[in-house]
């Protein structure tokens, strides 16, 4: 972990430290003496010959001693590491730390790679290897960071009618809502609503059977809540109330309000900062005898496992996702009775084809891919989700 002196010179990575807002005089290497200036960021090295999993314990111990709660963990991976080697280091640092960016010296400067794209920082003659920048999991999942990210991406996460892929977008949300079965729920809660379509589809289903549903929806993002209320009105759902909040402390039901006949939560638990509190919050929303539908990404699918092996940078929800068996155990401990589960978004290579179809083929393959997903999901439901690794997403139904 120690590396050669040049590899661990903070000055070699000065442009990176400047971008990260990390003070160079508070970057500590494993051989540095304690400083009276307070903790800052931790800098370590992973030599070419070292196994990331074996070296991780020492790196994490150094980070625990040297990095402030809001500081950075910076690891110089020497040589010219492959993406697979960088991905192995990312896995070894998780769940304490989440890798958010990679910095590679090039002839034109230091290239920064992140999920937002690439950019070039000014050059540094002494920088060698690849610098891996990671932040603590709780910082990346902090409420203010989540709200800012959701507000920024809200428009892109809401499907646009007529565009390639919109049919698939709506079908997935309808499939999750239909897991509730034939119902006439009077009060429906969309627990982490995003653009609101799962709850809206459930409300429309209830109304088609003679129900008169009230839809409640919440999300951390004020912009998402605004979009949900707008989508509900445009879909003809007359009674929709939106609030902002997190699953760990949900705004529904508030004091004096009743719990809900039907609660749906799709793609939310993978963003949970505190899973116990999140499941406790979900638990409080479901009335006795009520139905709960929960779905999320499947980290063990063929496609997710391939991404994890090959891509050093992944969204935190892919790292933080949980398998359906784990979610089921959490809910059964809280008194829920399992009824059914299914996969519904086919894994590799279908998502890649969907993206290609939406971005380059103008939706030409859309009907074929959607039909393929429909048949596969119906088969998975009929077989009680036995073939779950074929799917990037799972969904389950419980009763209280």
Protein backbone atom coordinates (compact mmCIF):
# COMPACT_ATOMS: atom_id res chain seq x y z
CA UNK A 1 0.00 0.00 0.00
CA UNK A 2 2.83 2.42 0.74
CA UNK A 3 4.17 2.93 -2.80
CA UNK A 4 7.28 4.84 -3.81
CA UNK A 5 7.65 8.38 -2.45
CA UNK A 6 6.93 9.96 -5.84
CA UNK A 7 3.71 8.01 -6.20
CA UNK A 8 2.36 9.44 -2.96
CA UNK A 9 3.37 13.06 -3.44
CA UNK A 10 0.22 15.13 -3.10
CA UNK A 11 1.85 17.85 -5.18
CA UNK A 12 1.91 15.53 -8.21
CA UNK A 13 -1.89 15.54 -8.19
CA UNK A 14 -2.36 19.24 -7.38
CA UNK A 15 -4.91 19.87 -10.21
CA UNK A 16 -7.03 16.99 -8.90
CA UNK A 17 -6.87 18.16 -5.29
CA UNK A 18 -7.90 21.62 -6.43
CA UNK A 19 -10.92 20.27 -8.28
CA UNK A 20 -11.95 18.09 -5.34
CA UNK A 21 -11.55 20.91 -2.85
CA UNK A 22 -9.02 18.87 -0.87
CA UNK A 23 -6.32 20.89 0.90
CA UNK A 24 -2.87 19.55 0.02
CA UNK A 25 -1.57 20.24 3.54
CA UNK A 26 -4.25 17.93 4.92
CA UNK A 27 -3.68 14.99 2.60
CA UNK A 28 -2.15 12.22 4.69
CA UNK A 29 -0.14 9.24 3.41
CA UNK A 30 0.42 6.07 5.48
CA UNK A 31 3.92 7.21 6.48
CA UNK A 32 2.99 10.75 7.48
CA UNK A 33 3.05 11.63 11.18
CA UNK A 34 -0.19 12.81 12.80
CA UNK A 35 -0.98 16.43 12.05
CA UNK A 36 -2.30 19.09 14.39
CA UNK A 37 -4.17 20.72 11.51
CA UNK A 38 -7.03 18.23 11.68
CA UNK A 39 -8.01 15.36 9.45
CA UNK A 40 -8.52 15.89 5.72
CA UNK A 41 -8.10 13.31 2.96
CA UNK A 42 -6.23 10.02 2.83
CA UNK A 43 -3.76 9.16 0.03
CA UNK A 44 -2.53 5.59 -0.54
CA UNK A 45 -1.01 3.55 -3.33
CA UNK A 46 -1.89 0.20 -4.91
CA UNK A 47 1.27 -1.22 -6.58
CA UNK A 48 0.99 -3.14 -9.85
CA UNK A 49 1.78 -6.44 -8.15
CA UNK A 50 -0.76 -6.06 -5.33
CA UNK A 51 -4.12 -7.80 -5.27
CA UNK A 52 -6.83 -5.15 -4.67
CA UNK A 53 -8.84 -7.35 -2.33
CA UNK A 54 -5.78 -8.22 -0.23
CA UNK A 55 -4.54 -4.62 -0.09
CA UNK A 56 -7.93 -3.13 0.76
CA UNK A 57 -7.74 -3.76 4.52
CA UNK A 58 -4.64 -1.61 4.92
CA UNK A 59 -6.03 1.12 2.66
CA UNK A 60 -9.32 1.20 4.56
CA UNK A 61 -7.49 1.29 7.90
CA UNK A 62 -5.44 4.26 6.71
CA UNK A 63 -8.60 6.02 5.51
CA UNK A 64 -10.35 5.42 8.83
CA UNK A 65 -7.45 7.03 10.69
CA UNK A 66 -6.63 9.86 8.30
CA UNK A 67 -9.73 11.01 6.42
CA UNK A 68 -12.25 13.49 7.81
CA UNK A 69 -15.94 12.48 7.73
CA UNK A 70 -16.36 14.56 4.57
CA UNK A 71 -12.85 13.94 3.22
CA UNK A 72 -11.65 11.95 0.24
CA UNK A 73 -9.91 8.60 -0.09
CA UNK A 74 -7.39 8.85 -2.96
CA UNK A 75 -5.66 5.70 -4.20
CA UNK A 76 -2.86 5.85 -6.77
CA UNK A 77 -2.99 2.64 -8.81
CA UNK A 78 0.45 2.33 -10.32
CA UNK A 79 1.28 1.32 -13.86
CA UNK A 80 -1.46 1.23 -16.52
CA UNK A 81 -4.27 -0.61 -14.75
CA UNK A 82 -7.12 -2.14 -16.74
CA UNK A 83 -10.72 -1.19 -16.07
CA UNK A 84 -11.21 -4.66 -14.58
CA UNK A 85 -8.42 -4.01 -12.04
CA UNK A 86 -9.91 -0.64 -11.15
CA UNK A 87 -13.32 -2.30 -10.79
CA UNK A 88 -11.83 -4.85 -8.39
CA UNK A 89 -10.43 -2.01 -6.26
CA UNK A 90 -13.83 -0.27 -6.30
CA UNK A 91 -15.47 -3.46 -5.00
CA UNK A 92 -12.81 -3.86 -2.32
CA UNK A 93 -13.43 -0.32 -0.99
CA UNK A 94 -17.23 -0.76 -0.89
CA UNK A 95 -19.39 -0.33 1.18
CA UNK A 96 -17.32 2.09 3.23
CA UNK A 97 -16.29 4.13 0.19
CA UNK A 98 -17.83 4.75 -3.24
CA UNK A 99 -15.54 5.46 -6.20
CA UNK A 100 -16.79 8.57 -7.99
CA UNK A 101 -13.99 9.56 -10.40
CA UNK A 102 -10.77 8.38 -12.05
CA UNK A 103 -7.84 10.64 -13.00
CA UNK A 104 -5.33 9.56 -15.63
CA UNK A 105 -2.30 11.60 -16.77
CA UNK A 106 -2.20 12.13 -20.54
CA UNK A 107 0.06 14.21 -22.82
CA UNK A 108 -2.57 16.96 -22.83
CA UNK A 109 -3.28 17.05 -19.08
CA UNK A 110 -5.02 14.91 -16.47
CA UNK A 111 -8.15 13.27 -17.82
CA UNK A 112 -11.04 13.06 -15.36
CA UNK A 113 -13.59 10.27 -15.87
CA UNK A 114 -16.88 10.23 -14.01
CA UNK A 115 -20.46 9.16 -14.70
CA UNK A 116 -21.10 12.71 -15.90
CA UNK A 117 -18.51 12.32 -18.67
CA UNK A 118 -14.88 13.22 -19.22
CA UNK A 119 -12.91 16.44 -18.99
CA UNK A 120 -9.25 17.43 -18.97
CA UNK A 121 -7.54 19.21 -16.09
CA UNK A 122 -4.26 21.02 -16.41
CA UNK A 123 -1.19 18.84 -16.74
CA UNK A 124 1.09 17.69 -13.95
CA UNK A 125 4.52 16.42 -14.95
CA UNK A 126 4.95 14.23 -11.86
CA UNK A 127 1.62 12.37 -11.90
CA UNK A 128 1.86 8.65 -12.69
CA UNK A 129 -0.63 5.79 -12.71
CA UNK A 130 -4.36 6.31 -12.17
CA UNK A 131 -5.77 8.21 -9.20
CA UNK A 132 -9.00 6.71 -7.85
CA UNK A 133 -11.15 9.20 -5.92
CA UNK A 134 -13.73 7.86 -3.48
CA UNK A 135 -16.10 9.35 -0.92
CA UNK A 136 -17.80 7.75 2.04
CA UNK A 137 -21.05 6.00 1.19
CA UNK A 138 -23.02 8.15 3.64
CA UNK A 139 -21.77 11.32 1.96
CA UNK A 140 -22.81 10.17 -1.53
CA UNK A 141 -26.23 9.12 -0.20
CA UNK A 142 -26.68 12.19 2.02
CA UNK A 143 -30.09 13.86 1.72
CA UNK A 144 -28.82 17.09 0.16
CA UNK A 145 -26.77 15.19 -2.43
CA UNK A 146 -29.76 12.99 -3.31
CA UNK A 147 -32.12 15.93 -3.69
CA UNK A 148 -29.65 17.80 -5.92
CA UNK A 149 -29.11 14.74 -8.13
CA UNK A 150 -32.82 13.96 -8.45
CA UNK A 151 -33.76 17.56 -9.19
CA UNK A 152 -31.04 17.75 -11.85
CA UNK A 153 -32.15 14.53 -13.58
CA UNK A 154 -35.92 14.80 -13.05
CA UNK A 155 -36.85 15.77 -16.60
CA UNK A 156 -34.72 12.99 -18.10
CA UNK A 157 -36.30 10.38 -15.82
CA UNK A 158 -39.80 11.27 -17.00
CA UNK A 159 -40.74 9.56 -20.25
CA UNK A 160 -41.73 11.70 -23.22
CA UNK A 161 -44.73 10.42 -25.23
CA UNK A 162 -43.90 9.73 -28.85
CA UNK A 163 -40.18 9.32 -28.34
CA UNK A 164 -38.44 5.98 -28.96
CA UNK A 165 -38.54 3.85 -25.83
CA UNK A 166 -41.60 5.52 -24.30
CA UNK A 167 -43.74 2.41 -24.76
CA UNK A 168 -41.17 0.35 -22.88
CA UNK A 169 -40.88 3.04 -20.19
CA UNK A 170 -44.62 2.96 -19.50
CA UNK A 171 -44.89 -0.82 -19.77
CA UNK A 172 -42.31 -1.38 -17.03
CA UNK A 173 -44.20 0.90 -14.66
CA UNK A 174 -47.51 -0.67 -15.57
CA UNK A 175 -46.05 -4.13 -14.92
CA UNK A 176 -45.00 -3.13 -11.40
CA UNK A 177 -48.41 -1.58 -10.72
CA UNK A 178 -50.20 -4.67 -12.06
CA UNK A 179 -48.37 -6.83 -9.51
CA UNK A 180 -50.96 -5.53 -7.05
CA UNK A 181 -53.50 -7.74 -8.83
CA UNK A 182 -57.13 -6.89 -9.41
CA UNK A 183 -57.91 -4.33 -6.77
CA UNK A 184 -60.09 -1.35 -5.96
CA UNK A 185 -57.78 0.27 -3.45
CA UNK A 186 -59.25 3.43 -2.00
CA UNK A 187 -55.98 4.91 -0.75
CA UNK A 188 -52.73 4.33 -2.71
CA UNK A 189 -49.23 5.45 -1.75
CA UNK A 190 -46.35 5.71 -4.22
CA UNK A 191 -43.40 5.38 -1.84
CA UNK A 192 -40.59 7.23 -3.64
CA UNK A 193 -42.55 8.23 -6.69
CA UNK A 194 -40.01 9.54 -9.19
CA UNK A 195 -42.14 10.74 -12.10
CA UNK A 196 -45.17 9.07 -10.52
CA UNK A 197 -46.15 6.56 -13.16
CA UNK A 198 -46.24 3.43 -10.97
CA UNK A 199 -48.73 5.03 -8.59
CA UNK A 200 -50.67 6.58 -11.47
CA UNK A 201 -51.00 3.21 -13.23
CA UNK A 202 -52.23 1.64 -9.98
CA UNK A 203 -54.80 4.43 -9.54
CA UNK A 204 -56.02 4.01 -13.12
CA UNK A 205 -56.33 0.26 -12.56
CA UNK A 206 -58.41 0.80 -9.42
CA UNK A 207 -60.66 3.27 -11.22
CA UNK A 208 -61.21 0.84 -14.12
CA UNK A 209 -62.70 -1.60 -11.60
CA UNK A 210 -65.08 0.93 -10.12
CA UNK A 211 -62.81 2.32 -7.42
CA UNK A 212 -62.43 5.97 -6.52
CA UNK A 213 -58.78 6.10 -5.49
CA UNK A 214 -56.85 8.77 -3.67
CA UNK A 215 -53.20 8.78 -4.74
CA UNK A 216 -50.49 10.00 -2.37
CA UNK A 217 -46.91 10.26 -3.59
CA UNK A 218 -43.61 11.45 -2.19
CA UNK A 219 -40.03 11.82 -3.35
CA UNK A 220 -36.93 13.59 -2.01
CA UNK A 221 -36.96 15.85 -5.08
CA UNK A 222 -39.43 18.77 -5.20
CA UNK A 223 -39.11 18.70 -8.98
CA UNK A 224 -40.06 15.02 -9.10
CA UNK A 225 -43.11 15.70 -6.94
CA UNK A 226 -44.13 18.54 -9.24
CA UNK A 227 -43.80 16.27 -12.28
CA UNK A 228 -45.80 13.52 -10.55
CA UNK A 229 -48.70 15.84 -9.79
CA UNK A 230 -48.61 17.13 -13.37
CA UNK A 231 -48.55 13.59 -14.79
CA UNK A 232 -51.44 12.54 -12.55
CA UNK A 233 -53.60 15.41 -13.76
CA UNK A 234 -52.77 14.68 -17.40
CA UNK A 235 -53.64 10.99 -16.88
CA UNK A 236 -57.01 11.85 -15.32
CA UNK A 237 -56.17 10.97 -11.71
CA UNK A 238 -58.14 13.72 -10.01
CA UNK A 239 -57.07 13.19 -6.41
CA UNK A 240 -53.29 13.22 -6.09
CA UNK A 241 -51.34 14.71 -3.19
CA UNK A 242 -47.57 15.03 -3.36
CA UNK A 243 -45.05 15.74 -0.61
CA UNK A 244 -41.27 15.74 -0.33
CA UNK A 245 -39.44 13.33 1.94
CA UNK A 246 -37.27 10.23 2.29
CA UNK A 247 -38.20 6.61 2.93
CA UNK A 248 -36.33 6.67 6.25
CA UNK A 249 -38.78 9.31 7.50
CA UNK A 250 -41.71 9.25 5.06
CA UNK A 251 -44.16 12.18 4.95
CA UNK A 252 -47.08 9.74 4.52
CA UNK A 253 -48.96 8.92 6.61
CA UNK A 254 -48.51 12.03 8.72
CA UNK A 255 -49.76 12.25 12.30
CA UNK A 256 -53.49 11.61 12.38
CA UNK A 257 -53.58 10.14 8.86
CA UNK A 258 -54.55 6.54 8.13
CA UNK A 259 -52.24 4.00 6.52
CA UNK A 260 -52.82 2.88 2.93
CA UNK A 261 -54.67 -0.01 1.30
CA UNK A 262 -51.97 -0.28 -1.38
CA UNK A 263 -48.33 0.84 -1.18
CA UNK A 264 -45.98 0.64 -4.14
CA UNK A 265 -42.24 1.29 -4.12
CA UNK A 266 -40.25 0.85 -7.32
CA UNK A 267 -36.54 1.52 -7.70
CA UNK A 268 -36.17 3.20 -4.33
CA UNK A 269 -34.54 0.86 -1.80
CA UNK A 270 -31.25 0.96 -3.75
CA UNK A 271 -31.03 4.66 -2.81
CA UNK A 272 -31.64 3.95 0.91
CA UNK A 273 -28.99 5.38 3.19
CA UNK A 274 -30.22 3.39 6.22
CA UNK A 275 -31.99 0.21 5.16
CA UNK A 276 -33.46 -0.60 8.57
CA UNK A 277 -35.06 2.81 8.89
CA UNK A 278 -36.18 2.66 5.25
CA UNK A 279 -38.00 -0.65 5.73
CA UNK A 280 -39.46 0.64 9.00
CA UNK A 281 -40.81 3.64 7.09
CA UNK A 282 -42.28 1.38 4.41
CA UNK A 283 -43.84 -0.79 7.09
CA UNK A 284 -45.66 2.15 8.68
CA UNK A 285 -47.42 3.04 5.43
CA UNK A 286 -49.29 -0.24 4.91
CA UNK A 287 -52.67 -0.68 6.60
CA UNK A 288 -53.62 -4.03 8.21
CA UNK A 289 -54.76 -6.29 5.40
CA UNK A 290 -53.16 -3.96 2.85
CA UNK A 291 -51.02 -4.89 -0.15
CA UNK A 292 -47.39 -3.95 -0.68
CA UNK A 293 -45.61 -4.08 -4.06
CA UNK A 294 -41.86 -3.50 -4.02
CA UNK A 295 -39.39 -3.66 -6.90
CA UNK A 296 -35.79 -2.71 -7.58
CA UNK A 297 -32.67 -3.59 -9.56
CA UNK A 298 -31.18 -7.08 -9.27
CA UNK A 299 -27.44 -6.78 -8.56
CA UNK A 300 -26.91 -10.47 -9.36
CA UNK A 301 -28.29 -10.41 -12.90
CA UNK A 302 -26.17 -11.38 -15.89
CA UNK A 303 -25.89 -7.78 -17.06
CA UNK A 304 -25.28 -6.24 -13.63
CA UNK A 305 -22.55 -8.75 -12.85
CA UNK A 306 -20.88 -8.04 -16.19
CA UNK A 307 -21.01 -4.29 -15.57
CA UNK A 308 -19.56 -4.81 -12.12
CA UNK A 309 -16.60 -6.77 -13.53
CA UNK A 310 -15.86 -4.46 -16.45
CA UNK A 311 -16.85 -0.91 -15.46
CA UNK A 312 -14.83 0.82 -12.72
CA UNK A 313 -17.44 3.59 -12.36
CA UNK A 314 -21.00 2.62 -11.45
CA UNK A 315 -23.95 4.60 -10.07
CA UNK A 316 -24.17 4.18 -6.33
CA UNK A 317 -27.59 2.53 -6.61
CA UNK A 318 -25.98 -0.36 -8.51
CA UNK A 319 -23.51 -0.80 -5.67
CA UNK A 320 -26.21 -0.29 -3.03
CA UNK A 321 -28.85 -2.54 -4.60
CA UNK A 322 -30.16 -5.55 -2.71
CA UNK A 323 -31.29 -8.96 -3.87
CA UNK A 324 -34.95 -9.81 -3.65
CA UNK A 325 -34.29 -12.49 -1.01
CA UNK A 326 -32.80 -9.85 1.29
CA UNK A 327 -35.79 -7.55 0.81
CA UNK A 328 -38.20 -10.41 1.40
CA UNK A 329 -36.46 -11.32 4.67
CA UNK A 330 -36.67 -7.70 5.88
CA UNK A 331 -40.41 -7.57 5.17
CA UNK A 332 -41.23 -10.99 6.62
CA UNK A 333 -39.48 -9.96 9.84
CA UNK A 334 -41.96 -7.09 9.98
CA UNK A 335 -44.99 -9.33 9.62
CA UNK A 336 -45.63 -9.24 5.87
CA UNK A 337 -46.71 -12.38 4.03
CA UNK A 338 -45.09 -13.02 0.66
CA UNK A 339 -47.39 -13.76 -2.28
CA UNK A 340 -45.51 -13.56 -5.60
CA UNK A 341 -42.44 -12.32 -7.39
CA UNK A 342 -41.20 -11.83 -10.91
CA UNK A 343 -38.43 -10.40 -13.04
CA UNK A 344 -39.45 -7.80 -15.61
CA UNK A 345 -36.51 -6.05 -17.32
CA UNK A 346 -34.47 -8.50 -19.37
CA UNK A 347 -30.75 -8.34 -18.78
CA UNK A 348 -27.75 -8.10 -21.12
CA UNK A 349 -27.97 -7.45 -24.09
CA UNK A 350 -31.55 -6.12 -24.10
CA UNK A 351 -30.83 -2.81 -22.27
CA UNK A 352 -28.01 -2.09 -24.71
CA UNK A 353 -30.32 -2.78 -27.65
CA UNK A 354 -32.98 -0.56 -26.14
CA UNK A 355 -30.45 2.25 -25.85
CA UNK A 356 -29.24 1.73 -29.41
CA UNK A 357 -32.82 1.68 -30.63
CA UNK A 358 -33.73 4.89 -28.80
CA UNK A 359 -30.59 6.83 -29.76
CA UNK A 360 -29.82 5.66 -33.30
CA UNK A 361 -32.59 3.53 -34.79
CA UNK A 362 -35.49 5.89 -34.02
CA UNK A 363 -37.51 3.20 -32.28
CA UNK A 364 -37.43 0.70 -35.14
CA UNK A 365 -36.74 -2.25 -32.81
CA UNK A 366 -38.94 -0.96 -30.00
CA UNK A 367 -42.02 -3.14 -30.64
CA UNK A 368 -39.91 -6.30 -30.96
CA UNK A 369 -37.92 -5.63 -27.78
CA UNK A 370 -41.05 -4.72 -25.85
CA UNK A 371 -42.82 -7.91 -26.97
CA UNK A 372 -39.76 -9.93 -25.91
CA UNK A 373 -39.79 -8.31 -22.47
CA UNK A 374 -43.54 -8.82 -22.08
CA UNK A 375 -43.33 -12.55 -22.83
CA UNK A 376 -40.29 -13.05 -20.61
CA UNK A 377 -41.87 -11.20 -17.68
CA UNK A 378 -45.13 -13.16 -18.01
CA UNK A 379 -43.14 -16.40 -18.03
CA UNK A 380 -41.13 -15.30 -14.98
CA UNK A 381 -44.31 -14.48 -13.07
CA UNK A 382 -45.85 -17.82 -13.99
CA UNK A 383 -42.70 -19.60 -12.75
CA UNK A 384 -42.56 -17.53 -9.56
CA UNK A 385 -39.45 -15.68 -10.65
CA UNK A 386 -37.28 -18.80 -10.75
CA UNK A 387 -35.16 -17.44 -13.60
CA UNK A 388 -34.38 -14.15 -11.86
CA UNK A 389 -30.79 -13.79 -13.14
CA UNK A 390 -32.14 -13.20 -16.67
CA UNK A 391 -33.60 -9.92 -15.41
CA UNK A 392 -32.04 -6.66 -14.25
CA UNK A 393 -35.09 -5.94 -12.05
CA UNK A 394 -37.27 -7.84 -9.60
CA UNK A 395 -40.71 -7.10 -8.16
CA UNK A 396 -42.64 -8.76 -5.29
CA UNK A 397 -46.11 -8.61 -3.74
CA UNK A 398 -46.88 -8.95 -0.03
CA UNK A 399 -49.95 -8.63 2.17
CA UNK A 400 -50.00 -7.23 5.67
